Each structure stands twice: as C-alpha cells, then as structure tokens.
Amino acid sequence: MTVAVAHQVSPTGHIALMEGAREASLRQTDLEVIHVVESIDLDVTEAHQAGLSDEIDKVLSEAGLDQVSWHLHLATGENVSATVLDLAAEVKADLLVIGARRRSPVGKFLLGSVTQSIILDAPIPVVVVKPPL
C-alpha cells in the first residue's frame, strides 16, 4: 500500500504533507511526495529538488513525522491535476492526499479547480485537507 501526497510550498501544501505522512505512518508505508510545476529550467532542477527536499524535511521534522520515509517526484505539466493523477498511478498509490484552499464560487467557476478535478477524476480514494480557519 502506497500513500501519495500532492505537495506545494504553502500552508495548504504543508497541511497535506503532514496528513500524508500521518497516513503513511499509520499504514506503515513510504510517502510519495508529488510536486508539479508548470515548467522548470533543466539547469536548476537539481537545486529545485534540493530546496524542496529541505522544505519537506523541515515540515515533517517540526510535525514529529520525520521517521516517515518519503520520495520526491518533481514533474512539469500545464494540467496539474492530470500530472498528479498520472504520477500517483505511476507510483501505484492506493491513497492520494491533497490540500484545498478556500475559494469563492465565482473564483472556482472562472479559474477551475485542481482539487475538484482530482477528486472527480481519481481512480483511488482521495483525502482532502485544509488549513484551520
């Protein structure tokens, strides 16, 4: 059983990361951290991965979840939801954890919603977490 988490460097992303780590710990499995960006210069990919790895280590350590083994998957793609779902399938995830932020109904209509797309299109269970008020 594998747990995947869609990660972003934000309070919402950190909440999702911590919940994903808790789920991985409960299930006694590794955590597959999926981080998607629209594009990245190949010359800075290693530095970007190192920075993300440091951020993930920091968040998990501060939450007391640093015993969870995790792997970072950095991907590029304009369609973030499809890229997340493709990577979750690639790592054979049985559960996907994602973060959600508050948006108005008009904001959702005009901009679409990655969270909504993932929930509707995911072939596996999805846990959605959001930061406290």
N, C-alpha and C. Protein backbone atom coordinates (compact mmCIF):
# COMPACT_ATOMS: atom_id res chain seq x y z
N MET A 1 0.84 -1.18 0.00
CA MET A 1 0.00 0.00 0.00
C MET A 1 0.88 1.24 0.00
N THR A 2 0.61 2.17 -0.87
CA THR A 2 1.40 3.38 -1.01
C THR A 2 0.52 4.60 -0.83
N VAL A 3 1.04 5.59 -0.12
CA VAL A 3 0.35 6.86 0.06
C VAL A 3 1.09 7.92 -0.75
N ALA A 4 0.35 8.69 -1.53
CA ALA A 4 0.92 9.80 -2.28
C ALA A 4 0.29 11.10 -1.78
N VAL A 5 1.05 12.17 -1.86
CA VAL A 5 0.54 13.48 -1.48
C VAL A 5 0.92 14.48 -2.57
N ALA A 6 -0.05 15.29 -2.97
CA ALA A 6 0.22 16.38 -3.90
C ALA A 6 0.73 17.54 -3.06
N HIS A 7 1.97 17.94 -3.29
CA HIS A 7 2.62 18.94 -2.44
C HIS A 7 2.82 20.26 -3.17
N GLN A 8 2.70 21.32 -2.42
CA GLN A 8 3.08 22.64 -2.88
C GLN A 8 3.68 23.37 -1.68
N VAL A 9 4.54 24.33 -1.92
CA VAL A 9 5.15 25.07 -0.82
C VAL A 9 4.18 26.18 -0.43
N SER A 10 3.33 25.87 0.52
CA SER A 10 2.32 26.80 1.03
C SER A 10 1.75 26.20 2.30
N PRO A 11 1.03 26.99 3.08
CA PRO A 11 0.40 26.41 4.28
C PRO A 11 -0.52 25.23 3.94
N THR A 12 -1.27 25.34 2.87
CA THR A 12 -2.16 24.25 2.46
C THR A 12 -1.35 23.02 2.05
N GLY A 13 -0.28 23.23 1.32
CA GLY A 13 0.58 22.13 0.91
C GLY A 13 1.24 21.44 2.09
N HIS A 14 1.62 22.24 3.10
CA HIS A 14 2.25 21.66 4.29
C HIS A 14 1.25 20.84 5.11
N ILE A 15 0.02 21.31 5.19
CA ILE A 15 -1.03 20.55 5.89
C ILE A 15 -1.23 19.20 5.19
N ALA A 16 -1.29 19.23 3.86
CA ALA A 16 -1.46 17.98 3.09
C ALA A 16 -0.25 17.06 3.30
N LEU A 17 0.95 17.63 3.31
CA LEU A 17 2.16 16.84 3.53
C LEU A 17 2.12 16.14 4.89
N MET A 18 1.73 16.88 5.92
CA MET A 18 1.67 16.28 7.26
C MET A 18 0.61 15.19 7.34
N GLU A 19 -0.54 15.41 6.72
CA GLU A 19 -1.59 14.38 6.73
C GLU A 19 -1.15 13.16 5.93
N GLY A 20 -0.50 13.38 4.80
CA GLY A 20 0.01 12.26 4.03
C GLY A 20 1.03 11.45 4.82
N ALA A 21 1.90 12.15 5.56
CA ALA A 21 2.90 11.45 6.38
C ALA A 21 2.21 10.67 7.50
N ARG A 22 1.17 11.24 8.10
CA ARG A 22 0.43 10.51 9.14
C ARG A 22 -0.19 9.24 8.57
N GLU A 23 -0.80 9.37 7.40
CA GLU A 23 -1.41 8.19 6.75
C GLU A 23 -0.35 7.14 6.43
N ALA A 24 0.79 7.58 5.91
CA ALA A 24 1.86 6.63 5.57
C ALA A 24 2.37 5.94 6.84
N SER A 25 2.48 6.69 7.92
CA SER A 25 2.92 6.11 9.19
C SER A 25 1.91 5.08 9.70
N LEU A 26 0.63 5.43 9.66
CA LEU A 26 -0.41 4.50 10.11
C LEU A 26 -0.43 3.23 9.27
N ARG A 27 -0.18 3.36 7.99
CA ARG A 27 -0.23 2.22 7.07
C ARG A 27 1.13 1.52 6.95
N GLN A 28 2.12 2.06 7.66
CA GLN A 28 3.47 1.53 7.66
C GLN A 28 4.01 1.38 6.24
N THR A 29 3.97 2.48 5.52
CA THR A 29 4.45 2.50 4.14
C THR A 29 5.20 3.80 3.90
N ASP A 30 5.83 3.89 2.75
CA ASP A 30 6.51 5.12 2.37
C ASP A 30 5.52 6.16 1.87
N LEU A 31 5.97 7.39 1.84
CA LEU A 31 5.18 8.50 1.32
C LEU A 31 5.79 8.95 0.00
N GLU A 32 4.97 9.04 -1.01
CA GLU A 32 5.40 9.52 -2.32
C GLU A 32 4.93 10.96 -2.45
N VAL A 33 5.87 11.90 -2.45
CA VAL A 33 5.55 13.32 -2.50
C VAL A 33 5.60 13.79 -3.95
N ILE A 34 4.46 14.26 -4.45
CA ILE A 34 4.35 14.70 -5.84
C ILE A 34 4.31 16.22 -5.87
N HIS A 35 5.26 16.81 -6.56
CA HIS A 35 5.32 18.26 -6.67
C HIS A 35 5.32 18.62 -8.16
N VAL A 36 4.32 19.36 -8.59
CA VAL A 36 4.18 19.70 -10.01
C VAL A 36 4.36 21.20 -10.20
N VAL A 37 5.18 21.55 -11.18
CA VAL A 37 5.36 22.95 -11.58
C VAL A 37 5.06 23.05 -13.07
N GLU A 38 4.66 24.24 -13.52
CA GLU A 38 4.34 24.41 -14.94
C GLU A 38 5.56 24.17 -15.81
N SER A 39 6.69 24.71 -15.40
CA SER A 39 7.92 24.50 -16.16
C SER A 39 9.10 24.74 -15.23
N ILE A 40 10.23 24.18 -15.61
CA ILE A 40 11.45 24.37 -14.83
C ILE A 40 12.64 24.26 -15.77
N ASP A 41 13.59 25.11 -15.56
CA ASP A 41 14.82 25.11 -16.35
C ASP A 41 15.65 23.90 -15.94
N LEU A 42 16.08 23.11 -16.88
CA LEU A 42 16.84 21.90 -16.58
C LEU A 42 18.11 22.19 -15.80
N ASP A 43 18.65 23.39 -15.96
CA ASP A 43 19.87 23.75 -15.25
C ASP A 43 19.64 23.92 -13.74
N VAL A 44 18.41 24.19 -13.34
CA VAL A 44 18.15 24.42 -11.91
C VAL A 44 17.31 23.32 -11.28
N THR A 45 17.06 22.24 -12.01
CA THR A 45 16.23 21.15 -11.50
C THR A 45 16.80 20.56 -10.21
N GLU A 46 18.12 20.30 -10.20
CA GLU A 46 18.74 19.71 -9.02
C GLU A 46 18.61 20.64 -7.81
N ALA A 47 18.85 21.91 -8.02
CA ALA A 47 18.74 22.88 -6.94
C ALA A 47 17.30 22.98 -6.45
N HIS A 48 16.36 22.92 -7.37
CA HIS A 48 14.94 22.98 -7.01
C HIS A 48 14.56 21.75 -6.17
N GLN A 49 15.01 20.59 -6.59
CA GLN A 49 14.74 19.36 -5.83
C GLN A 49 15.37 19.42 -4.45
N ALA A 50 16.59 19.93 -4.36
CA ALA A 50 17.26 20.03 -3.07
C ALA A 50 16.51 20.99 -2.14
N GLY A 51 16.06 22.11 -2.68
CA GLY A 51 15.30 23.06 -1.88
C GLY A 51 13.99 22.47 -1.40
N LEU A 52 13.29 21.75 -2.28
CA LEU A 52 12.03 21.10 -1.90
C LEU A 52 12.29 20.03 -0.84
N SER A 53 13.35 19.26 -1.02
CA SER A 53 13.67 18.20 -0.06
C SER A 53 13.94 18.80 1.32
N ASP A 54 14.66 19.90 1.36
CA ASP A 54 14.93 20.57 2.64
C ASP A 54 13.63 21.05 3.28
N GLU A 55 12.74 21.61 2.47
CA GLU A 55 11.45 22.10 2.97
C GLU A 55 10.61 20.95 3.51
N ILE A 56 10.57 19.84 2.79
CA ILE A 56 9.81 18.66 3.23
C ILE A 56 10.37 18.12 4.54
N ASP A 57 11.70 18.00 4.61
CA ASP A 57 12.34 17.54 5.85
C ASP A 57 11.98 18.44 7.02
N LYS A 58 12.01 19.74 6.79
CA LYS A 58 11.71 20.71 7.86
C LYS A 58 10.27 20.56 8.35
N VAL A 59 9.31 20.49 7.43
CA VAL A 59 7.90 20.37 7.79
C VAL A 59 7.64 19.08 8.56
N LEU A 60 8.17 17.97 8.07
CA LEU A 60 7.95 16.69 8.73
C LEU A 60 8.63 16.63 10.09
N SER A 61 9.80 17.22 10.20
CA SER A 61 10.52 17.24 11.47
C SER A 61 9.75 18.06 12.51
N GLU A 62 9.28 19.24 12.11
CA GLU A 62 8.53 20.10 13.02
C GLU A 62 7.22 19.45 13.46
N ALA A 63 6.66 18.58 12.63
CA ALA A 63 5.40 17.90 12.96
C ALA A 63 5.65 16.58 13.71
N GLY A 64 6.92 16.25 13.94
CA GLY A 64 7.23 15.00 14.63
C GLY A 64 7.02 13.78 13.76
N LEU A 65 7.09 13.97 12.44
CA LEU A 65 6.85 12.88 11.50
C LEU A 65 8.10 12.55 10.68
N ASP A 66 9.26 12.88 11.22
CA ASP A 66 10.50 12.70 10.46
C ASP A 66 10.93 11.24 10.34
N GLN A 67 10.21 10.31 10.99
CA GLN A 67 10.53 8.90 10.86
C GLN A 67 9.93 8.30 9.59
N VAL A 68 9.03 9.03 8.94
CA VAL A 68 8.38 8.55 7.72
C VAL A 68 9.36 8.65 6.55
N SER A 69 9.53 7.55 5.85
CA SER A 69 10.38 7.52 4.67
C SER A 69 9.59 8.09 3.48
N TRP A 70 10.20 8.99 2.72
CA TRP A 70 9.48 9.61 1.61
C TRP A 70 10.40 9.75 0.40
N HIS A 71 9.73 9.89 -0.76
CA HIS A 71 10.44 10.08 -2.02
C HIS A 71 9.78 11.25 -2.75
N LEU A 72 10.60 12.12 -3.31
CA LEU A 72 10.10 13.29 -4.04
C LEU A 72 10.02 13.01 -5.53
N HIS A 73 8.89 13.34 -6.12
CA HIS A 73 8.70 13.22 -7.56
C HIS A 73 8.39 14.61 -8.09
N LEU A 74 9.34 15.22 -8.77
CA LEU A 74 9.18 16.55 -9.34
C LEU A 74 8.81 16.40 -10.81
N ALA A 75 7.70 17.04 -11.18
CA ALA A 75 7.24 16.92 -12.57
C ALA A 75 6.81 18.28 -13.08
N THR A 76 6.78 18.39 -14.40
CA THR A 76 6.27 19.60 -15.02
C THR A 76 5.01 19.24 -15.81
N GLY A 77 4.13 20.20 -15.89
CA GLY A 77 2.91 19.98 -16.65
C GLY A 77 1.96 21.15 -16.49
N GLU A 78 1.31 21.51 -17.59
CA GLU A 78 0.35 22.61 -17.53
C GLU A 78 -0.95 22.16 -16.88
N ASN A 79 -1.31 20.88 -17.06
CA ASN A 79 -2.52 20.35 -16.44
C ASN A 79 -2.09 19.65 -15.14
N VAL A 80 -2.13 20.42 -14.05
CA VAL A 80 -1.61 19.93 -12.78
C VAL A 80 -2.38 18.70 -12.30
N SER A 81 -3.69 18.72 -12.40
CA SER A 81 -4.47 17.58 -11.89
C SER A 81 -4.14 16.30 -12.65
N ALA A 82 -4.04 16.37 -13.96
CA ALA A 82 -3.70 15.18 -14.75
C ALA A 82 -2.30 14.69 -14.43
N THR A 83 -1.36 15.61 -14.24
CA THR A 83 0.01 15.23 -13.91
C THR A 83 0.08 14.55 -12.55
N VAL A 84 -0.65 15.10 -11.56
CA VAL A 84 -0.69 14.49 -10.23
C VAL A 84 -1.26 13.08 -10.32
N LEU A 85 -2.37 12.94 -11.02
CA LEU A 85 -3.00 11.62 -11.14
C LEU A 85 -2.12 10.63 -11.89
N ASP A 86 -1.43 11.10 -12.93
CA ASP A 86 -0.51 10.22 -13.66
C ASP A 86 0.63 9.73 -12.76
N LEU A 87 1.20 10.64 -11.98
CA LEU A 87 2.28 10.25 -11.08
C LEU A 87 1.79 9.34 -9.96
N ALA A 88 0.59 9.60 -9.46
CA ALA A 88 0.02 8.73 -8.42
C ALA A 88 -0.14 7.31 -8.97
N ALA A 89 -0.57 7.20 -10.22
CA ALA A 89 -0.71 5.88 -10.85
C ALA A 89 0.67 5.25 -11.06
N GLU A 90 1.64 6.06 -11.45
CA GLU A 90 2.99 5.56 -11.71
C GLU A 90 3.63 4.96 -10.45
N VAL A 91 3.37 5.59 -9.29
CA VAL A 91 3.94 5.07 -8.04
C VAL A 91 3.02 4.04 -7.38
N LYS A 92 1.94 3.72 -8.07
CA LYS A 92 0.96 2.72 -7.59
C LYS A 92 0.36 3.10 -6.24
N ALA A 93 -0.03 4.38 -6.13
CA ALA A 93 -0.63 4.87 -4.89
C ALA A 93 -2.01 4.26 -4.67
N ASP A 94 -2.27 3.91 -3.42
CA ASP A 94 -3.59 3.41 -3.02
C ASP A 94 -4.43 4.50 -2.39
N LEU A 95 -3.78 5.63 -2.04
CA LEU A 95 -4.45 6.75 -1.42
C LEU A 95 -3.72 8.01 -1.84
N LEU A 96 -4.47 9.07 -2.13
CA LEU A 96 -3.89 10.36 -2.51
C LEU A 96 -4.38 11.41 -1.53
N VAL A 97 -3.46 12.17 -0.98
CA VAL A 97 -3.80 13.26 -0.07
C VAL A 97 -3.53 14.58 -0.78
N ILE A 98 -4.50 15.48 -0.74
CA ILE A 98 -4.36 16.79 -1.38
C ILE A 98 -4.84 17.87 -0.42
N GLY A 99 -4.36 19.07 -0.64
CA GLY A 99 -4.79 20.21 0.16
C GLY A 99 -5.79 21.04 -0.63
N ALA A 100 -6.64 21.73 0.09
CA ALA A 100 -7.63 22.61 -0.55
C ALA A 100 -7.58 23.96 0.14
N ARG A 101 -7.77 25.00 -0.63
CA ARG A 101 -7.85 26.33 -0.05
C ARG A 101 -9.23 26.90 -0.32
N ARG A 102 -9.60 27.86 0.46
CA ARG A 102 -10.93 28.45 0.31
C ARG A 102 -10.99 29.32 -0.94
N ARG A 103 -12.07 29.15 -1.70
CA ARG A 103 -12.30 29.98 -2.88
C ARG A 103 -13.78 30.25 -2.99
N SER A 104 -14.08 31.40 -3.54
CA SER A 104 -15.48 31.75 -3.74
C SER A 104 -16.04 30.93 -4.90
N PRO A 105 -17.37 30.77 -4.97
CA PRO A 105 -17.95 30.05 -6.11
C PRO A 105 -17.58 30.68 -7.45
N VAL A 106 -17.51 32.00 -7.50
CA VAL A 106 -17.13 32.67 -8.75
C VAL A 106 -15.68 32.36 -9.08
N GLY A 107 -14.80 32.35 -8.07
CA GLY A 107 -13.40 32.02 -8.29
C GLY A 107 -13.23 30.63 -8.83
N LYS A 108 -14.01 29.69 -8.31
CA LYS A 108 -13.95 28.31 -8.81
C LYS A 108 -14.42 28.23 -10.25
N PHE A 109 -15.50 28.97 -10.56
CA PHE A 109 -16.06 28.94 -11.91
C PHE A 109 -15.08 29.53 -12.93
N LEU A 110 -14.48 30.66 -12.59
CA LEU A 110 -13.60 31.35 -13.53
C LEU A 110 -12.25 30.66 -13.70
N LEU A 111 -11.70 30.15 -12.62
CA LEU A 111 -10.35 29.63 -12.67
C LEU A 111 -10.26 28.11 -12.71
N GLY A 112 -11.39 27.43 -12.54
CA GLY A 112 -11.35 25.97 -12.45
C GLY A 112 -10.81 25.58 -11.09
N SER A 113 -10.70 24.32 -10.83
CA SER A 113 -10.21 23.87 -9.54
C SER A 113 -9.43 22.57 -9.71
N VAL A 114 -8.14 22.64 -9.40
CA VAL A 114 -7.31 21.45 -9.47
C VAL A 114 -7.84 20.41 -8.49
N THR A 115 -8.20 20.87 -7.29
CA THR A 115 -8.72 19.97 -6.27
C THR A 115 -9.97 19.24 -6.77
N GLN A 116 -10.89 20.00 -7.33
CA GLN A 116 -12.13 19.40 -7.83
C GLN A 116 -11.84 18.39 -8.95
N SER A 117 -10.96 18.73 -9.85
CA SER A 117 -10.61 17.81 -10.95
C SER A 117 -10.02 16.51 -10.41
N ILE A 118 -9.13 16.63 -9.44
CA ILE A 118 -8.52 15.43 -8.87
C ILE A 118 -9.57 14.56 -8.20
N ILE A 119 -10.44 15.20 -7.40
CA ILE A 119 -11.48 14.43 -6.70
C ILE A 119 -12.37 13.69 -7.70
N LEU A 120 -12.77 14.37 -8.76
CA LEU A 120 -13.69 13.77 -9.72
C LEU A 120 -13.04 12.72 -10.61
N ASP A 121 -11.75 12.88 -10.90
CA ASP A 121 -11.09 12.00 -11.87
C ASP A 121 -10.24 10.89 -11.24
N ALA A 122 -9.99 10.96 -9.95
CA ALA A 122 -9.10 9.99 -9.31
C ALA A 122 -9.73 8.60 -9.25
N PRO A 123 -8.99 7.57 -9.65
CA PRO A 123 -9.49 6.20 -9.55
C PRO A 123 -9.22 5.58 -8.18
N ILE A 124 -8.59 6.36 -7.29
CA ILE A 124 -8.28 5.88 -5.94
C ILE A 124 -8.90 6.83 -4.92
N PRO A 125 -9.01 6.41 -3.65
CA PRO A 125 -9.53 7.31 -2.64
C PRO A 125 -8.66 8.56 -2.50
N VAL A 126 -9.32 9.69 -2.25
CA VAL A 126 -8.63 10.97 -2.08
C VAL A 126 -9.03 11.56 -0.73
N VAL A 127 -8.03 11.95 0.04
CA VAL A 127 -8.26 12.65 1.30
C VAL A 127 -7.95 14.12 1.04
N VAL A 128 -8.92 14.99 1.34
CA VAL A 128 -8.75 16.42 1.14
C VAL A 128 -8.63 17.09 2.50
N VAL A 129 -7.57 17.86 2.70
CA VAL A 129 -7.37 18.57 3.96
C VAL A 129 -7.26 20.07 3.67
N LYS A 130 -7.61 20.85 4.67
CA LYS A 130 -7.46 22.30 4.51
C LYS A 130 -6.95 22.88 5.80
N PRO A 131 -6.27 24.04 5.71
CA PRO A 131 -5.74 24.66 6.92
C PRO A 131 -6.90 25.13 7.81
N PRO A 132 -6.66 25.19 9.12
CA PRO A 132 -7.72 25.68 10.01
C PRO A 132 -8.02 27.14 9.73
N LEU A 133 -9.20 27.58 10.15
CA LEU A 133 -9.59 28.99 9.94
C LEU A 133 -8.71 29.94 10.67
